[in-house]
Amino acid sequence: MKETTIRWPTSKFIKVRCLKCRNEQVIFDKAATEIKCLNCGEVIARPTGGKIELVNAEIIKTF
């Protein structure tokens, strides 16, 4: 029987805070689409082809 190794994922979920309205939400750090704040609609992250680029947000916690 052949053994297979399972790699741990390199992507995470992160909790961010919008700099405009201070709303907190959880987002994926390798999102493929633009992420907007659920409260004020401000763009808080943009995709870069890999990890996202935070625009109007700060990281609070990673999961």
N, C-alpha and C. Protein backbone atom coordinates (compact mmCIF):
# COMPACT_ATOMS: atom_id res chain seq x y z
N MET A 1 0.83 -1.18 0.00
CA MET A 1 0.00 0.00 0.00
C MET A 1 0.88 1.25 0.00
N LYS A 2 0.57 2.19 -0.87
CA LYS A 2 1.35 3.41 -1.00
C LYS A 2 0.84 4.49 -0.03
N GLU A 3 1.77 5.13 0.65
CA GLU A 3 1.39 6.20 1.57
C GLU A 3 1.35 7.53 0.83
N THR A 4 0.36 8.32 1.12
CA THR A 4 0.28 9.66 0.55
C THR A 4 0.32 10.68 1.67
N THR A 5 1.05 11.74 1.43
CA THR A 5 1.11 12.80 2.43
C THR A 5 0.10 13.89 2.07
N ILE A 6 -0.51 14.41 3.07
CA ILE A 6 -1.49 15.49 2.87
C ILE A 6 -0.84 16.78 3.33
N ARG A 7 -0.79 17.75 2.43
CA ARG A 7 -0.20 19.04 2.78
C ARG A 7 -1.23 19.91 3.47
N TRP A 8 -0.75 20.74 4.37
CA TRP A 8 -1.62 21.70 5.03
C TRP A 8 -1.90 22.85 4.08
N PRO A 9 -3.07 23.43 4.12
CA PRO A 9 -3.37 24.55 3.23
C PRO A 9 -2.53 25.79 3.58
N THR A 10 -2.18 26.54 2.56
CA THR A 10 -1.39 27.76 2.78
C THR A 10 -2.27 28.99 2.86
N SER A 11 -3.55 28.84 2.60
CA SER A 11 -4.46 29.98 2.65
C SER A 11 -5.20 29.99 3.98
N LYS A 12 -5.66 31.19 4.37
CA LYS A 12 -6.32 31.34 5.66
C LYS A 12 -7.50 32.30 5.53
N PHE A 13 -8.31 32.29 6.55
CA PHE A 13 -9.34 33.31 6.69
C PHE A 13 -8.78 34.38 7.62
N ILE A 14 -9.10 35.63 7.33
CA ILE A 14 -8.62 36.72 8.18
C ILE A 14 -9.79 37.62 8.58
N LYS A 15 -9.73 38.13 9.78
CA LYS A 15 -10.73 39.08 10.26
C LYS A 15 -10.15 40.47 10.05
N VAL A 16 -10.87 41.31 9.31
CA VAL A 16 -10.39 42.65 9.00
C VAL A 16 -11.38 43.70 9.51
N ARG A 17 -10.88 44.91 9.68
CA ARG A 17 -11.72 46.03 10.10
C ARG A 17 -11.65 47.12 9.03
N CYS A 18 -12.80 47.56 8.57
CA CYS A 18 -12.89 48.64 7.59
C CYS A 18 -12.39 49.93 8.24
N LEU A 19 -11.52 50.66 7.54
CA LEU A 19 -10.99 51.90 8.10
C LEU A 19 -11.99 53.05 8.04
N LYS A 20 -12.99 52.93 7.20
CA LYS A 20 -13.98 54.00 7.06
C LYS A 20 -15.06 53.93 8.14
N CYS A 21 -15.68 52.75 8.30
CA CYS A 21 -16.81 52.64 9.24
C CYS A 21 -16.52 51.76 10.44
N ARG A 22 -15.31 51.17 10.52
CA ARG A 22 -14.88 50.32 11.63
C ARG A 22 -15.65 48.99 11.72
N ASN A 23 -16.33 48.59 10.65
CA ASN A 23 -17.04 47.30 10.62
C ASN A 23 -16.02 46.18 10.51
N GLU A 24 -16.27 45.08 11.23
CA GLU A 24 -15.38 43.91 11.18
C GLU A 24 -16.05 42.79 10.40
N GLN A 25 -15.28 42.12 9.55
CA GLN A 25 -15.79 40.96 8.82
C GLN A 25 -14.67 40.00 8.51
N VAL A 26 -15.03 38.76 8.25
CA VAL A 26 -14.07 37.70 7.96
C VAL A 26 -14.02 37.51 6.45
N ILE A 27 -12.79 37.49 5.89
CA ILE A 27 -12.60 37.32 4.45
C ILE A 27 -11.54 36.25 4.21
N PHE A 28 -11.47 35.75 2.97
CA PHE A 28 -10.49 34.75 2.56
C PHE A 28 -9.27 35.47 2.04
N ASP A 29 -8.07 35.04 2.42
CA ASP A 29 -6.87 35.79 2.04
C ASP A 29 -6.40 35.55 0.60
N LYS A 30 -7.05 34.62 -0.12
CA LYS A 30 -6.72 34.41 -1.54
C LYS A 30 -7.98 34.55 -2.39
N ALA A 31 -8.78 35.55 -2.11
CA ALA A 31 -10.03 35.77 -2.83
C ALA A 31 -9.75 36.15 -4.29
N ALA A 32 -10.64 35.76 -5.17
CA ALA A 32 -10.48 36.03 -6.60
C ALA A 32 -11.27 37.24 -7.06
N THR A 33 -12.10 37.80 -6.20
CA THR A 33 -12.90 38.97 -6.56
C THR A 33 -12.66 40.10 -5.57
N GLU A 34 -13.05 41.29 -5.97
CA GLU A 34 -12.93 42.45 -5.11
C GLU A 34 -13.87 42.30 -3.91
N ILE A 35 -13.40 42.63 -2.72
CA ILE A 35 -14.21 42.48 -1.51
C ILE A 35 -14.60 43.86 -1.01
N LYS A 36 -15.90 44.03 -0.77
CA LYS A 36 -16.42 45.30 -0.27
C LYS A 36 -16.91 45.13 1.15
N CYS A 37 -16.89 46.23 1.90
CA CYS A 37 -17.41 46.23 3.26
C CYS A 37 -18.91 45.98 3.21
N LEU A 38 -19.39 45.13 4.09
CA LEU A 38 -20.80 44.80 4.11
C LEU A 38 -21.65 45.95 4.67
N ASN A 39 -21.03 46.86 5.39
CA ASN A 39 -21.76 47.95 6.01
C ASN A 39 -21.80 49.21 5.13
N CYS A 40 -20.65 49.70 4.68
CA CYS A 40 -20.61 50.96 3.94
C CYS A 40 -20.37 50.79 2.44
N GLY A 41 -19.98 49.61 1.97
CA GLY A 41 -19.77 49.37 0.56
C GLY A 41 -18.40 49.77 0.03
N GLU A 42 -17.51 50.23 0.88
CA GLU A 42 -16.15 50.62 0.49
C GLU A 42 -15.34 49.38 0.12
N VAL A 43 -14.52 49.46 -0.93
CA VAL A 43 -13.64 48.34 -1.32
C VAL A 43 -12.57 48.20 -0.25
N ILE A 44 -12.47 47.00 0.34
CA ILE A 44 -11.48 46.80 1.39
C ILE A 44 -10.33 45.89 0.95
N ALA A 45 -10.52 45.12 -0.14
CA ALA A 45 -9.46 44.24 -0.61
C ALA A 45 -9.61 43.98 -2.10
N ARG A 46 -8.46 43.86 -2.79
CA ARG A 46 -8.44 43.58 -4.23
C ARG A 46 -7.61 42.32 -4.48
N PRO A 47 -8.01 41.52 -5.48
CA PRO A 47 -7.23 40.33 -5.81
C PRO A 47 -5.95 40.71 -6.55
N THR A 48 -4.91 39.91 -6.38
CA THR A 48 -3.64 40.17 -7.07
C THR A 48 -3.17 38.97 -7.87
N GLY A 49 -3.96 37.91 -7.91
CA GLY A 49 -3.54 36.68 -8.56
C GLY A 49 -3.03 35.67 -7.56
N GLY A 50 -2.81 36.09 -6.35
CA GLY A 50 -2.39 35.23 -5.24
C GLY A 50 -3.12 35.70 -4.00
N LYS A 51 -2.37 36.23 -3.07
CA LYS A 51 -2.99 36.78 -1.87
C LYS A 51 -3.61 38.14 -2.20
N ILE A 52 -4.60 38.52 -1.40
CA ILE A 52 -5.28 39.80 -1.64
C ILE A 52 -4.43 40.97 -1.18
N GLU A 53 -4.76 42.14 -1.69
CA GLU A 53 -4.12 43.38 -1.27
C GLU A 53 -5.16 44.17 -0.48
N LEU A 54 -4.88 44.44 0.79
CA LEU A 54 -5.81 45.22 1.59
C LEU A 54 -5.72 46.69 1.19
N VAL A 55 -6.87 47.31 0.94
CA VAL A 55 -6.91 48.69 0.48
C VAL A 55 -7.33 49.62 1.61
N ASN A 56 -8.52 49.43 2.14
CA ASN A 56 -9.05 50.29 3.20
C ASN A 56 -9.41 49.46 4.42
N ALA A 57 -8.50 48.58 4.83
CA ALA A 57 -8.78 47.70 5.96
C ALA A 57 -7.49 47.37 6.70
N GLU A 58 -7.67 46.91 7.93
CA GLU A 58 -6.53 46.45 8.74
C GLU A 58 -6.85 45.07 9.26
N ILE A 59 -5.82 44.24 9.40
CA ILE A 59 -5.99 42.87 9.88
C ILE A 59 -6.11 42.89 11.40
N ILE A 60 -7.12 42.17 11.89
CA ILE A 60 -7.30 42.04 13.33
C ILE A 60 -6.82 40.68 13.81
N LYS A 61 -7.19 39.61 13.06
CA LYS A 61 -6.87 38.26 13.49
C LYS A 61 -6.83 37.33 12.28
N THR A 62 -5.99 36.30 12.34
CA THR A 62 -5.97 35.27 11.29
C THR A 62 -6.45 33.95 11.88
N PHE A 63 -7.13 33.16 11.07
CA PHE A 63 -7.66 31.87 11.51
C PHE A 63 -6.94 30.75 10.80
